[in-house]
Amino acid sequence: MPNFVKAAGAGEIQPGSGKTLSLEGRSLALFNVDGKYYCTDNTCLHRGGPLGEGLIEGATVTCPWHGWQYDVSTGRCKTNPAAQISTYEVRVQGDDLLVGI
C-alpha cells in the first residue's frame, strides 16, 4: 500500500496545467485535468525532458523538448506505444493534494 505524502495545495495547480515537484527522492509531475488530479514521473522517456513543464491538452501532456506525448491518466506514451511512464494515485484531502508513493 502506498504512503500518501502532501505534494501541493489544490489551488496551486490551475485546470489545464502541471507542476514539477520532488517527493521522497523522485522527480514527479502533477497535473490538473478539469479539476481531476494526476501524477506521473516527470522524466520523458525519449530524452529526459521535464513533463511537468509540458503543454497539457485534455489528459495528454506534450514534452516541451521533443514533443513526445503521454496520457497522464495511464502513463502510456502516445508517440511510442512501447513506452510507459509510472503514474501515482492522487487524493484530495481538504485543500491538500496527496500523492501515493
N, C-alpha and C. Protein backbone atom coordinates (compact mmCIF):
# COMPACT_ATOMS: atom_id res chain seq x y z
N MET A 1 0.85 -1.18 0.00
CA MET A 1 0.00 0.00 0.00
C MET A 1 0.89 1.24 0.00
N PRO A 2 0.57 2.21 -0.87
CA PRO A 2 1.42 3.40 -0.94
C PRO A 2 1.29 4.28 0.29
N ASN A 3 2.36 5.02 0.54
CA ASN A 3 2.38 6.04 1.59
C ASN A 3 1.98 7.36 0.94
N PHE A 4 0.92 8.01 1.41
CA PHE A 4 0.46 9.26 0.82
C PHE A 4 1.15 10.44 1.47
N VAL A 5 1.77 11.27 0.60
CA VAL A 5 2.57 12.40 1.03
C VAL A 5 1.99 13.67 0.44
N LYS A 6 1.94 14.75 1.24
CA LYS A 6 1.44 16.03 0.73
C LYS A 6 2.36 16.50 -0.39
N ALA A 7 1.75 16.80 -1.56
CA ALA A 7 2.52 17.23 -2.72
C ALA A 7 2.33 18.71 -3.02
N ALA A 8 1.13 19.22 -2.80
CA ALA A 8 0.83 20.61 -3.14
C ALA A 8 -0.54 20.97 -2.57
N GLY A 9 -0.86 22.24 -2.65
CA GLY A 9 -2.20 22.69 -2.34
C GLY A 9 -3.03 22.61 -3.61
N ALA A 10 -4.30 22.28 -3.49
CA ALA A 10 -5.15 22.13 -4.67
C ALA A 10 -5.20 23.42 -5.49
N GLY A 11 -5.11 24.56 -4.87
CA GLY A 11 -5.17 25.84 -5.58
C GLY A 11 -3.89 26.20 -6.31
N GLU A 12 -2.82 25.43 -6.10
CA GLU A 12 -1.54 25.74 -6.74
C GLU A 12 -1.50 25.34 -8.21
N ILE A 13 -2.36 24.42 -8.63
CA ILE A 13 -2.32 23.91 -10.00
C ILE A 13 -3.67 24.19 -10.66
N GLN A 14 -3.67 25.13 -11.56
CA GLN A 14 -4.90 25.52 -12.25
C GLN A 14 -5.29 24.46 -13.28
N PRO A 15 -6.58 24.36 -13.61
CA PRO A 15 -7.00 23.42 -14.64
C PRO A 15 -6.22 23.64 -15.95
N GLY A 16 -5.80 22.53 -16.56
CA GLY A 16 -5.05 22.60 -17.80
C GLY A 16 -3.58 22.95 -17.62
N SER A 17 -3.07 22.72 -16.39
CA SER A 17 -1.65 23.00 -16.15
C SER A 17 -1.02 21.88 -15.33
N GLY A 18 0.29 21.94 -15.25
CA GLY A 18 1.05 20.96 -14.50
C GLY A 18 2.08 21.63 -13.62
N LYS A 19 2.69 20.85 -12.76
CA LYS A 19 3.71 21.35 -11.85
C LYS A 19 4.74 20.25 -11.63
N THR A 20 6.01 20.63 -11.64
CA THR A 20 7.09 19.71 -11.34
C THR A 20 7.36 19.74 -9.84
N LEU A 21 7.58 18.58 -9.25
CA LEU A 21 7.89 18.52 -7.83
C LEU A 21 8.78 17.34 -7.52
N SER A 22 9.38 17.40 -6.36
CA SER A 22 10.23 16.30 -5.90
C SER A 22 9.64 15.76 -4.61
N LEU A 23 9.37 14.46 -4.58
CA LEU A 23 8.82 13.81 -3.39
C LEU A 23 9.62 12.55 -3.11
N GLU A 24 10.15 12.47 -1.93
CA GLU A 24 10.89 11.29 -1.48
C GLU A 24 11.91 10.83 -2.52
N GLY A 25 12.66 11.80 -3.06
CA GLY A 25 13.73 11.50 -4.00
C GLY A 25 13.29 11.22 -5.42
N ARG A 26 12.02 11.40 -5.72
CA ARG A 26 11.50 11.16 -7.07
C ARG A 26 11.12 12.49 -7.72
N SER A 27 11.43 12.62 -9.00
CA SER A 27 11.00 13.78 -9.76
C SER A 27 9.65 13.45 -10.38
N LEU A 28 8.62 14.19 -9.98
CA LEU A 28 7.25 13.90 -10.39
C LEU A 28 6.62 15.11 -11.07
N ALA A 29 5.55 14.86 -11.79
CA ALA A 29 4.75 15.90 -12.42
C ALA A 29 3.31 15.72 -11.95
N LEU A 30 2.70 16.80 -11.51
CA LEU A 30 1.34 16.79 -11.01
C LEU A 30 0.50 17.64 -11.96
N PHE A 31 -0.62 17.11 -12.43
CA PHE A 31 -1.45 17.77 -13.44
C PHE A 31 -2.88 17.93 -12.94
N ASN A 32 -3.53 19.02 -13.39
CA ASN A 32 -4.94 19.26 -13.14
C ASN A 32 -5.65 19.18 -14.49
N VAL A 33 -6.47 18.16 -14.66
CA VAL A 33 -7.24 17.97 -15.88
C VAL A 33 -8.71 18.18 -15.52
N ASP A 34 -9.19 19.38 -15.78
CA ASP A 34 -10.59 19.74 -15.49
C ASP A 34 -11.00 19.41 -14.05
N GLY A 35 -10.11 19.72 -13.10
CA GLY A 35 -10.42 19.51 -11.69
C GLY A 35 -10.06 18.14 -11.16
N LYS A 36 -9.60 17.23 -12.00
CA LYS A 36 -9.14 15.91 -11.56
C LYS A 36 -7.62 15.93 -11.64
N TYR A 37 -6.98 15.40 -10.61
CA TYR A 37 -5.53 15.48 -10.50
C TYR A 37 -4.87 14.14 -10.83
N TYR A 38 -3.74 14.24 -11.54
CA TYR A 38 -2.96 13.07 -11.93
C TYR A 38 -1.50 13.34 -11.63
N CYS A 39 -0.78 12.29 -11.28
CA CYS A 39 0.65 12.41 -11.02
C CYS A 39 1.39 11.34 -11.81
N THR A 40 2.48 11.76 -12.45
CA THR A 40 3.30 10.84 -13.23
C THR A 40 4.77 11.10 -12.92
N ASP A 41 5.63 10.23 -13.43
CA ASP A 41 7.05 10.55 -13.44
C ASP A 41 7.20 11.83 -14.24
N ASN A 42 8.19 12.65 -13.88
CA ASN A 42 8.40 13.91 -14.56
C ASN A 42 9.30 13.77 -15.79
N THR A 43 9.97 12.65 -15.92
CA THR A 43 11.00 12.50 -16.95
C THR A 43 10.47 11.79 -18.20
N CYS A 44 10.54 12.47 -19.33
CA CYS A 44 10.15 11.88 -20.62
C CYS A 44 11.13 10.76 -20.95
N LEU A 45 10.61 9.67 -21.47
CA LEU A 45 11.43 8.51 -21.78
C LEU A 45 12.27 8.70 -23.05
N HIS A 46 11.99 9.72 -23.83
CA HIS A 46 12.74 9.95 -25.06
C HIS A 46 14.12 10.53 -24.77
N ARG A 47 14.18 11.70 -24.16
CA ARG A 47 15.46 12.36 -23.89
C ARG A 47 15.50 13.02 -22.51
N GLY A 48 14.57 12.66 -21.64
CA GLY A 48 14.61 13.14 -20.26
C GLY A 48 13.99 14.50 -20.03
N GLY A 49 13.17 14.96 -20.95
CA GLY A 49 12.53 16.27 -20.80
C GLY A 49 11.60 16.32 -19.60
N PRO A 50 11.35 17.54 -19.06
CA PRO A 50 10.50 17.72 -17.88
C PRO A 50 9.02 17.78 -18.24
N LEU A 51 8.30 16.70 -18.05
CA LEU A 51 6.89 16.62 -18.44
C LEU A 51 6.02 17.62 -17.70
N GLY A 52 6.37 17.95 -16.46
CA GLY A 52 5.58 18.91 -15.68
C GLY A 52 5.59 20.30 -16.28
N GLU A 53 6.51 20.56 -17.20
CA GLU A 53 6.58 21.86 -17.88
C GLU A 53 5.95 21.81 -19.26
N GLY A 54 5.40 20.65 -19.61
CA GLY A 54 4.81 20.47 -20.94
C GLY A 54 3.41 21.02 -21.06
N LEU A 55 2.96 21.15 -22.30
CA LEU A 55 1.61 21.59 -22.61
C LEU A 55 0.65 20.45 -22.32
N ILE A 56 -0.43 20.75 -21.59
CA ILE A 56 -1.43 19.73 -21.28
C ILE A 56 -2.72 20.09 -21.99
N GLU A 57 -3.21 19.16 -22.81
CA GLU A 57 -4.47 19.31 -23.52
C GLU A 57 -5.31 18.08 -23.23
N GLY A 58 -6.42 18.29 -22.55
CA GLY A 58 -7.19 17.15 -22.06
C GLY A 58 -6.30 16.37 -21.12
N ALA A 59 -6.20 15.07 -21.29
CA ALA A 59 -5.34 14.24 -20.44
C ALA A 59 -4.00 13.94 -21.10
N THR A 60 -3.65 14.69 -22.14
CA THR A 60 -2.40 14.46 -22.86
C THR A 60 -1.40 15.57 -22.55
N VAL A 61 -0.21 15.17 -22.09
CA VAL A 61 0.87 16.13 -21.89
C VAL A 61 1.89 15.93 -23.01
N THR A 62 2.40 17.04 -23.53
CA THR A 62 3.41 17.01 -24.58
C THR A 62 4.73 17.48 -23.99
N CYS A 63 5.74 16.66 -24.10
CA CYS A 63 7.07 17.00 -23.59
C CYS A 63 7.56 18.27 -24.28
N PRO A 64 8.04 19.26 -23.51
CA PRO A 64 8.47 20.52 -24.12
C PRO A 64 9.76 20.40 -24.94
N TRP A 65 10.50 19.32 -24.80
CA TRP A 65 11.77 19.19 -25.53
C TRP A 65 11.61 18.67 -26.95
N HIS A 66 10.93 17.54 -27.12
CA HIS A 66 10.86 16.93 -28.45
C HIS A 66 9.45 16.47 -28.85
N GLY A 67 8.46 16.83 -28.05
CA GLY A 67 7.08 16.59 -28.46
C GLY A 67 6.48 15.23 -28.20
N TRP A 68 7.17 14.35 -27.46
CA TRP A 68 6.54 13.06 -27.14
C TRP A 68 5.31 13.35 -26.28
N GLN A 69 4.26 12.55 -26.48
CA GLN A 69 3.01 12.75 -25.77
C GLN A 69 2.67 11.55 -24.90
N TYR A 70 2.10 11.86 -23.72
CA TYR A 70 1.71 10.83 -22.76
C TYR A 70 0.30 11.11 -22.26
N ASP A 71 -0.43 10.04 -21.99
CA ASP A 71 -1.72 10.14 -21.32
C ASP A 71 -1.43 10.17 -19.82
N VAL A 72 -1.74 11.27 -19.15
CA VAL A 72 -1.38 11.41 -17.74
C VAL A 72 -2.23 10.51 -16.84
N SER A 73 -3.36 10.00 -17.35
CA SER A 73 -4.19 9.12 -16.53
C SER A 73 -3.68 7.69 -16.50
N THR A 74 -2.93 7.29 -17.53
CA THR A 74 -2.44 5.91 -17.62
C THR A 74 -0.91 5.81 -17.68
N GLY A 75 -0.25 6.89 -18.10
CA GLY A 75 1.20 6.87 -18.28
C GLY A 75 1.62 6.37 -19.66
N ARG A 76 0.67 5.93 -20.47
CA ARG A 76 1.00 5.39 -21.79
C ARG A 76 1.47 6.48 -22.73
N CYS A 77 2.51 6.16 -23.46
CA CYS A 77 3.07 7.09 -24.43
C CYS A 77 2.28 6.97 -25.73
N LYS A 78 1.80 8.11 -26.23
CA LYS A 78 1.05 8.12 -27.48
C LYS A 78 1.99 8.14 -28.68
N THR A 79 3.21 8.62 -28.48
CA THR A 79 4.18 8.72 -29.55
C THR A 79 4.85 7.38 -29.83
N ASN A 80 5.14 6.66 -28.76
CA ASN A 80 5.78 5.34 -28.86
C ASN A 80 5.00 4.38 -27.97
N PRO A 81 4.08 3.61 -28.52
CA PRO A 81 3.22 2.73 -27.71
C PRO A 81 3.97 1.71 -26.85
N ALA A 82 5.24 1.47 -27.13
CA ALA A 82 6.02 0.53 -26.32
C ALA A 82 6.52 1.17 -25.03
N ALA A 83 6.38 2.50 -24.91
CA ALA A 83 6.89 3.22 -23.74
C ALA A 83 5.75 3.59 -22.79
N GLN A 84 6.06 3.58 -21.49
CA GLN A 84 5.07 3.97 -20.49
C GLN A 84 5.79 4.52 -19.27
N ILE A 85 5.31 5.65 -18.74
CA ILE A 85 5.85 6.21 -17.51
C ILE A 85 4.98 5.77 -16.33
N SER A 86 5.54 5.83 -15.14
CA SER A 86 4.78 5.45 -13.95
C SER A 86 3.78 6.53 -13.59
N THR A 87 2.66 6.10 -13.04
CA THR A 87 1.64 7.01 -12.52
C THR A 87 1.46 6.72 -11.04
N TYR A 88 0.96 7.72 -10.33
CA TYR A 88 0.79 7.62 -8.88
C TYR A 88 -0.60 8.14 -8.52
N GLU A 89 -1.24 7.47 -7.59
CA GLU A 89 -2.58 7.88 -7.15
C GLU A 89 -2.51 9.23 -6.45
N VAL A 90 -3.50 10.08 -6.76
CA VAL A 90 -3.61 11.38 -6.11
C VAL A 90 -4.92 11.42 -5.34
N ARG A 91 -4.85 11.87 -4.10
CA ARG A 91 -6.04 12.06 -3.27
C ARG A 91 -6.13 13.53 -2.87
N VAL A 92 -7.37 14.03 -2.84
CA VAL A 92 -7.61 15.39 -2.35
C VAL A 92 -8.10 15.25 -0.92
N GLN A 93 -7.39 15.92 -0.01
CA GLN A 93 -7.77 15.89 1.40
C GLN A 93 -7.86 17.34 1.86
N GLY A 94 -9.09 17.84 1.97
CA GLY A 94 -9.27 19.25 2.27
C GLY A 94 -8.73 20.07 1.11
N ASP A 95 -7.76 20.95 1.39
CA ASP A 95 -7.13 21.76 0.35
C ASP A 95 -5.80 21.19 -0.10
N ASP A 96 -5.46 19.99 0.37
CA ASP A 96 -4.16 19.39 0.06
C ASP A 96 -4.29 18.29 -1.00
N LEU A 97 -3.25 18.18 -1.82
CA LEU A 97 -3.14 17.09 -2.76
C LEU A 97 -2.09 16.11 -2.21
N LEU A 98 -2.49 14.86 -2.03
CA LEU A 98 -1.61 13.83 -1.52
C LEU A 98 -1.30 12.84 -2.63
N VAL A 99 -0.04 12.47 -2.75
CA VAL A 99 0.38 11.53 -3.78
C VAL A 99 0.85 10.25 -3.11
N GLY A 100 0.40 9.11 -3.62
CA GLY A 100 0.80 7.80 -3.09
C GLY A 100 2.13 7.37 -3.68
N ILE A 101 3.12 7.28 -2.82
CA ILE A 101 4.47 6.88 -3.24
C ILE A 101 4.71 5.45 -2.80
